[in-house]
Amino acid sequence: MAESLIQRKSFQFALSVIRLYQKLQERREYVLSKQLLRSGTSIGANVEEASAGQSRKDFLAKMSVASKEARETKYWLRLLRESQLVEIDVTSEIARADELIRILTSIVKTTKETL
C-alpha cells in the first residue's frame, strides 16, 4: 500500500523534531526538548498504527490521538519560542505542526461522518 500524505508528512515532521531535539540538547535544554521529542515523534507513530487499524473505530481512535499529539507538540514549540530559553527559531516547525493539525482534524471529522 502506498504511503499516504499524512504518513509522509508526519514522518518528515518527526525527523525535523529529532534534529531540533539534538540542537536543544547541545544548548543544554533538557526538559522541554524531551517533551517535544516524545510528542513530536508520537504523531507519526499513531498515524502508522491507524493505517493498520482493526476497524474504523480503531482507525479513528489512533488518528484522534495523533491529532492530540500534534496539538501538544505545537504547545511545546510555542513554549520554547516564547520562553526564549534558547536562541532557536521554531517558526517553521510551528507552521508544520499547524499543517498536521489541519490534516488530522480533517481526517478525524471525515471518519466520524462515515461511522
N, C-alpha and C. Protein backbone atom coordinates (compact mmCIF):
# COMPACT_ATOMS: atom_id res chain seq x y z
N MET A 1 0.85 -1.18 0.00
CA MET A 1 0.00 0.00 0.00
C MET A 1 0.89 1.25 0.00
N ALA A 2 0.54 2.21 -0.80
CA ALA A 2 1.33 3.43 -0.92
C ALA A 2 1.23 4.27 0.36
N GLU A 3 2.30 4.96 0.65
CA GLU A 3 2.33 5.83 1.81
C GLU A 3 1.39 7.02 1.59
N SER A 4 0.56 7.32 2.58
CA SER A 4 -0.38 8.43 2.46
C SER A 4 0.32 9.76 2.73
N LEU A 5 -0.36 10.83 2.39
CA LEU A 5 0.15 12.18 2.64
C LEU A 5 0.45 12.38 4.13
N ILE A 6 -0.47 11.99 5.00
CA ILE A 6 -0.27 12.20 6.43
C ILE A 6 0.86 11.33 6.95
N GLN A 7 1.03 10.14 6.43
CA GLN A 7 2.16 9.30 6.84
C GLN A 7 3.48 9.98 6.47
N ARG A 8 3.56 10.46 5.25
CA ARG A 8 4.79 11.09 4.77
C ARG A 8 5.09 12.36 5.57
N LYS A 9 4.08 13.22 5.73
CA LYS A 9 4.30 14.48 6.43
C LYS A 9 4.61 14.28 7.92
N SER A 10 3.95 13.34 8.55
CA SER A 10 4.21 13.11 9.98
C SER A 10 5.60 12.49 10.18
N PHE A 11 6.04 11.66 9.26
CA PHE A 11 7.39 11.09 9.34
C PHE A 11 8.44 12.18 9.16
N GLN A 12 8.25 13.02 8.16
CA GLN A 12 9.20 14.11 7.92
C GLN A 12 9.23 15.09 9.10
N PHE A 13 8.07 15.33 9.68
CA PHE A 13 7.99 16.19 10.86
C PHE A 13 8.76 15.58 12.02
N ALA A 14 8.62 14.27 12.21
CA ALA A 14 9.34 13.58 13.29
C ALA A 14 10.86 13.72 13.11
N LEU A 15 11.31 13.61 11.87
CA LEU A 15 12.75 13.79 11.60
C LEU A 15 13.18 15.21 11.97
N SER A 16 12.35 16.18 11.63
CA SER A 16 12.63 17.58 11.96
C SER A 16 12.69 17.78 13.48
N VAL A 17 11.78 17.16 14.19
CA VAL A 17 11.74 17.26 15.65
C VAL A 17 13.00 16.62 16.25
N ILE A 18 13.44 15.51 15.70
CA ILE A 18 14.65 14.86 16.20
C ILE A 18 15.86 15.78 16.02
N ARG A 19 15.96 16.42 14.87
CA ARG A 19 17.08 17.36 14.64
C ARG A 19 16.99 18.54 15.60
N LEU A 20 15.79 19.05 15.83
CA LEU A 20 15.61 20.15 16.77
C LEU A 20 15.97 19.71 18.18
N TYR A 21 15.57 18.51 18.55
CA TYR A 21 15.91 17.95 19.85
C TYR A 21 17.43 17.91 20.05
N GLN A 22 18.15 17.48 19.03
CA GLN A 22 19.61 17.42 19.12
C GLN A 22 20.20 18.81 19.35
N LYS A 23 19.68 19.81 18.64
CA LYS A 23 20.15 21.19 18.83
C LYS A 23 19.86 21.68 20.24
N LEU A 24 18.69 21.36 20.74
CA LEU A 24 18.31 21.77 22.10
C LEU A 24 19.20 21.10 23.14
N GLN A 25 19.51 19.84 22.92
CA GLN A 25 20.40 19.13 23.84
C GLN A 25 21.79 19.76 23.85
N GLU A 26 22.27 20.16 22.68
CA GLU A 26 23.57 20.82 22.60
C GLU A 26 23.59 22.13 23.40
N ARG A 27 22.44 22.75 23.50
CA ARG A 27 22.32 24.02 24.23
C ARG A 27 21.87 23.79 25.68
N ARG A 28 21.92 22.56 26.10
CA ARG A 28 21.60 22.15 27.47
C ARG A 28 20.15 22.43 27.89
N GLU A 29 19.23 22.31 26.95
CA GLU A 29 17.81 22.43 27.28
C GLU A 29 17.28 20.99 27.27
N TYR A 30 17.03 20.47 28.47
CA TYR A 30 16.71 19.05 28.59
C TYR A 30 15.24 18.75 28.84
N VAL A 31 14.53 19.61 29.53
CA VAL A 31 13.16 19.30 29.94
C VAL A 31 12.18 19.46 28.77
N LEU A 32 12.09 20.66 28.21
CA LEU A 32 11.15 20.89 27.11
C LEU A 32 11.54 20.06 25.88
N SER A 33 12.84 19.90 25.67
CA SER A 33 13.28 19.14 24.49
C SER A 33 12.79 17.70 24.54
N LYS A 34 12.81 17.10 25.72
CA LYS A 34 12.35 15.71 25.86
C LYS A 34 10.85 15.61 25.62
N GLN A 35 10.10 16.57 26.15
CA GLN A 35 8.65 16.58 25.92
C GLN A 35 8.35 16.72 24.43
N LEU A 36 9.08 17.62 23.79
CA LEU A 36 8.91 17.85 22.35
C LEU A 36 9.23 16.59 21.56
N LEU A 37 10.32 15.93 21.91
CA LEU A 37 10.70 14.69 21.21
C LEU A 37 9.62 13.63 21.33
N ARG A 38 9.10 13.46 22.53
CA ARG A 38 8.07 12.42 22.75
C ARG A 38 6.80 12.69 21.95
N SER A 39 6.28 13.91 22.07
CA SER A 39 5.02 14.20 21.39
C SER A 39 5.21 14.33 19.88
N GLY A 40 6.32 14.92 19.45
CA GLY A 40 6.56 15.13 18.02
C GLY A 40 6.76 13.85 17.23
N THR A 41 7.35 12.84 17.87
CA THR A 41 7.54 11.56 17.18
C THR A 41 6.32 10.66 17.34
N SER A 42 5.52 10.93 18.35
CA SER A 42 4.32 10.14 18.59
C SER A 42 3.25 10.35 17.52
N ILE A 43 3.25 11.51 16.91
CA ILE A 43 2.25 11.80 15.87
C ILE A 43 2.33 10.74 14.77
N GLY A 44 3.50 10.59 14.20
CA GLY A 44 3.70 9.63 13.12
C GLY A 44 3.49 8.19 13.56
N ALA A 45 3.90 7.87 14.78
CA ALA A 45 3.72 6.51 15.29
C ALA A 45 2.23 6.17 15.35
N ASN A 46 1.41 7.10 15.80
CA ASN A 46 -0.03 6.86 15.86
C ASN A 46 -0.66 6.80 14.48
N VAL A 47 -0.16 7.61 13.56
CA VAL A 47 -0.65 7.55 12.17
C VAL A 47 -0.34 6.17 11.58
N GLU A 48 0.86 5.67 11.84
CA GLU A 48 1.23 4.34 11.34
C GLU A 48 0.34 3.26 11.95
N GLU A 49 0.09 3.37 13.25
CA GLU A 49 -0.80 2.40 13.89
C GLU A 49 -2.20 2.47 13.29
N ALA A 50 -2.67 3.68 13.01
CA ALA A 50 -4.00 3.85 12.44
C ALA A 50 -4.10 3.18 11.07
N SER A 51 -3.02 3.23 10.31
CA SER A 51 -3.06 2.65 8.96
C SER A 51 -3.26 1.14 9.01
N ALA A 52 -2.97 0.54 10.16
CA ALA A 52 -3.20 -0.90 10.32
C ALA A 52 -4.34 -1.15 11.30
N GLY A 53 -5.21 -0.18 11.43
CA GLY A 53 -6.33 -0.30 12.36
C GLY A 53 -7.19 -1.50 12.09
N GLN A 54 -7.71 -2.10 13.15
CA GLN A 54 -8.53 -3.30 13.02
C GLN A 54 -9.97 -2.98 12.60
N SER A 55 -10.35 -1.72 12.78
CA SER A 55 -11.70 -1.30 12.42
C SER A 55 -11.69 0.21 12.18
N ARG A 56 -12.80 0.73 11.69
CA ARG A 56 -12.91 2.18 11.50
C ARG A 56 -12.81 2.90 12.85
N LYS A 57 -13.39 2.31 13.90
CA LYS A 57 -13.32 2.92 15.22
C LYS A 57 -11.87 2.94 15.73
N ASP A 58 -11.14 1.87 15.47
CA ASP A 58 -9.73 1.81 15.86
C ASP A 58 -8.93 2.86 15.09
N PHE A 59 -9.19 2.97 13.80
CA PHE A 59 -8.53 3.97 12.96
C PHE A 59 -8.82 5.37 13.51
N LEU A 60 -10.08 5.64 13.84
CA LEU A 60 -10.48 6.94 14.37
C LEU A 60 -9.78 7.23 15.70
N ALA A 61 -9.72 6.24 16.57
CA ALA A 61 -9.08 6.42 17.87
C ALA A 61 -7.61 6.79 17.71
N LYS A 62 -6.90 6.09 16.83
CA LYS A 62 -5.47 6.35 16.63
C LYS A 62 -5.24 7.71 15.97
N MET A 63 -6.06 8.07 15.00
CA MET A 63 -5.92 9.37 14.36
C MET A 63 -6.26 10.50 15.34
N SER A 64 -7.20 10.25 16.23
CA SER A 64 -7.54 11.25 17.25
C SER A 64 -6.36 11.46 18.20
N VAL A 65 -5.69 10.39 18.56
CA VAL A 65 -4.50 10.51 19.42
C VAL A 65 -3.41 11.28 18.68
N ALA A 66 -3.21 10.97 17.40
CA ALA A 66 -2.21 11.69 16.60
C ALA A 66 -2.52 13.18 16.56
N SER A 67 -3.79 13.52 16.43
CA SER A 67 -4.21 14.91 16.42
C SER A 67 -3.89 15.59 17.75
N LYS A 68 -4.16 14.91 18.84
CA LYS A 68 -3.86 15.45 20.17
C LYS A 68 -2.35 15.64 20.36
N GLU A 69 -1.58 14.68 19.88
CA GLU A 69 -0.12 14.78 19.99
C GLU A 69 0.41 15.96 19.17
N ALA A 70 -0.20 16.20 18.02
CA ALA A 70 0.21 17.34 17.18
C ALA A 70 -0.05 18.65 17.93
N ARG A 71 -1.19 18.72 18.59
CA ARG A 71 -1.51 19.92 19.37
C ARG A 71 -0.54 20.09 20.55
N GLU A 72 -0.22 18.99 21.21
CA GLU A 72 0.73 19.05 22.31
C GLU A 72 2.10 19.51 21.81
N THR A 73 2.51 18.99 20.68
CA THR A 73 3.80 19.36 20.10
C THR A 73 3.84 20.85 19.80
N LYS A 74 2.76 21.37 19.25
CA LYS A 74 2.69 22.80 18.98
C LYS A 74 2.81 23.60 20.29
N TYR A 75 2.22 23.10 21.33
CA TYR A 75 2.31 23.76 22.64
C TYR A 75 3.77 23.85 23.10
N TRP A 76 4.51 22.75 23.02
CA TRP A 76 5.92 22.75 23.44
C TRP A 76 6.74 23.69 22.57
N LEU A 77 6.45 23.70 21.28
CA LEU A 77 7.17 24.61 20.38
C LEU A 77 6.90 26.07 20.74
N ARG A 78 5.65 26.38 21.02
CA ARG A 78 5.30 27.75 21.42
C ARG A 78 5.99 28.14 22.73
N LEU A 79 6.05 27.20 23.67
CA LEU A 79 6.74 27.47 24.93
C LEU A 79 8.22 27.75 24.69
N LEU A 80 8.84 26.97 23.83
CA LEU A 80 10.25 27.20 23.50
C LEU A 80 10.45 28.60 22.91
N ARG A 81 9.57 28.95 22.00
CA ARG A 81 9.68 30.26 21.35
C ARG A 81 9.46 31.41 22.34
N GLU A 82 8.39 31.33 23.09
CA GLU A 82 8.01 32.44 23.96
C GLU A 82 8.89 32.55 25.21
N SER A 83 9.38 31.43 25.70
CA SER A 83 10.22 31.45 26.91
C SER A 83 11.61 31.97 26.62
N GLN A 84 12.04 31.86 25.38
CA GLN A 84 13.38 32.29 24.96
C GLN A 84 14.47 31.61 25.78
N LEU A 85 14.23 30.34 26.15
CA LEU A 85 15.25 29.58 26.88
C LEU A 85 16.49 29.36 26.02
N VAL A 86 16.27 29.20 24.74
CA VAL A 86 17.37 29.02 23.79
C VAL A 86 17.11 29.89 22.57
N GLU A 87 18.16 30.23 21.89
CA GLU A 87 18.05 31.06 20.68
C GLU A 87 17.92 30.17 19.45
N ILE A 88 16.76 29.56 19.29
CA ILE A 88 16.48 28.73 18.13
C ILE A 88 15.13 29.16 17.58
N ASP A 89 15.09 29.41 16.28
CA ASP A 89 13.84 29.80 15.63
C ASP A 89 13.02 28.55 15.31
N VAL A 90 11.84 28.45 15.89
CA VAL A 90 10.97 27.29 15.69
C VAL A 90 9.74 27.65 14.86
N THR A 91 9.78 28.78 14.16
CA THR A 91 8.63 29.24 13.38
C THR A 91 8.20 28.20 12.34
N SER A 92 9.15 27.63 11.63
CA SER A 92 8.79 26.66 10.58
C SER A 92 8.21 25.39 11.19
N GLU A 93 8.72 24.97 12.34
CA GLU A 93 8.17 23.78 12.99
C GLU A 93 6.74 24.02 13.47
N ILE A 94 6.47 25.23 13.96
CA ILE A 94 5.11 25.56 14.39
C ILE A 94 4.17 25.53 13.19
N ALA A 95 4.61 26.07 12.07
CA ALA A 95 3.80 26.06 10.85
C ALA A 95 3.53 24.62 10.39
N ARG A 96 4.53 23.78 10.47
CA ARG A 96 4.36 22.38 10.07
C ARG A 96 3.44 21.64 11.03
N ALA A 97 3.52 21.97 12.31
CA ALA A 97 2.60 21.37 13.29
C ALA A 97 1.16 21.81 13.00
N ASP A 98 0.99 23.09 12.65
CA ASP A 98 -0.34 23.58 12.27
C ASP A 98 -0.89 22.82 11.07
N GLU A 99 -0.03 22.57 10.10
CA GLU A 99 -0.46 21.83 8.91
C GLU A 99 -0.89 20.42 9.28
N LEU A 100 -0.12 19.75 10.13
CA LEU A 100 -0.50 18.41 10.57
C LEU A 100 -1.83 18.43 11.32
N ILE A 101 -2.01 19.44 12.17
CA ILE A 101 -3.26 19.56 12.92
C ILE A 101 -4.45 19.70 11.97
N ARG A 102 -4.30 20.53 10.94
CA ARG A 102 -5.39 20.71 9.96
C ARG A 102 -5.70 19.40 9.24
N ILE A 103 -4.68 18.70 8.80
CA ILE A 103 -4.88 17.43 8.08
C ILE A 103 -5.53 16.40 8.99
N LEU A 104 -5.01 16.26 10.18
CA LEU A 104 -5.54 15.27 11.12
C LEU A 104 -6.97 15.60 11.55
N THR A 105 -7.25 16.87 11.75
CA THR A 105 -8.62 17.28 12.10
C THR A 105 -9.58 16.91 10.98
N SER A 106 -9.17 17.12 9.75
CA SER A 106 -10.00 16.76 8.61
C SER A 106 -10.23 15.25 8.55
N ILE A 107 -9.18 14.48 8.77
CA ILE A 107 -9.30 13.01 8.74
C ILE A 107 -10.26 12.55 9.83
N VAL A 108 -10.11 13.10 11.03
CA VAL A 108 -10.96 12.70 12.15
C VAL A 108 -12.42 13.06 11.87
N LYS A 109 -12.67 14.26 11.38
CA LYS A 109 -14.05 14.68 11.09
C LYS A 109 -14.68 13.82 10.01
N THR A 110 -13.94 13.58 8.94
CA THR A 110 -14.45 12.76 7.84
C THR A 110 -14.74 11.34 8.30
N THR A 111 -13.84 10.79 9.11
CA THR A 111 -14.03 9.42 9.60
C THR A 111 -15.25 9.35 10.51
N LYS A 112 -15.44 10.33 11.36
CA LYS A 112 -16.62 10.35 12.24
C LYS A 112 -17.91 10.37 11.43
N GLU A 113 -17.90 11.09 10.33
CA GLU A 113 -19.10 11.20 9.48
C GLU A 113 -19.44 9.88 8.81
N THR A 114 -18.45 9.03 8.60
CA THR A 114 -18.67 7.76 7.89
C THR A 114 -18.91 6.58 8.82
N LEU A 115 -18.90 6.81 10.13
CA LEU A 115 -19.15 5.71 11.08
C LEU A 115 -20.62 5.42 11.22
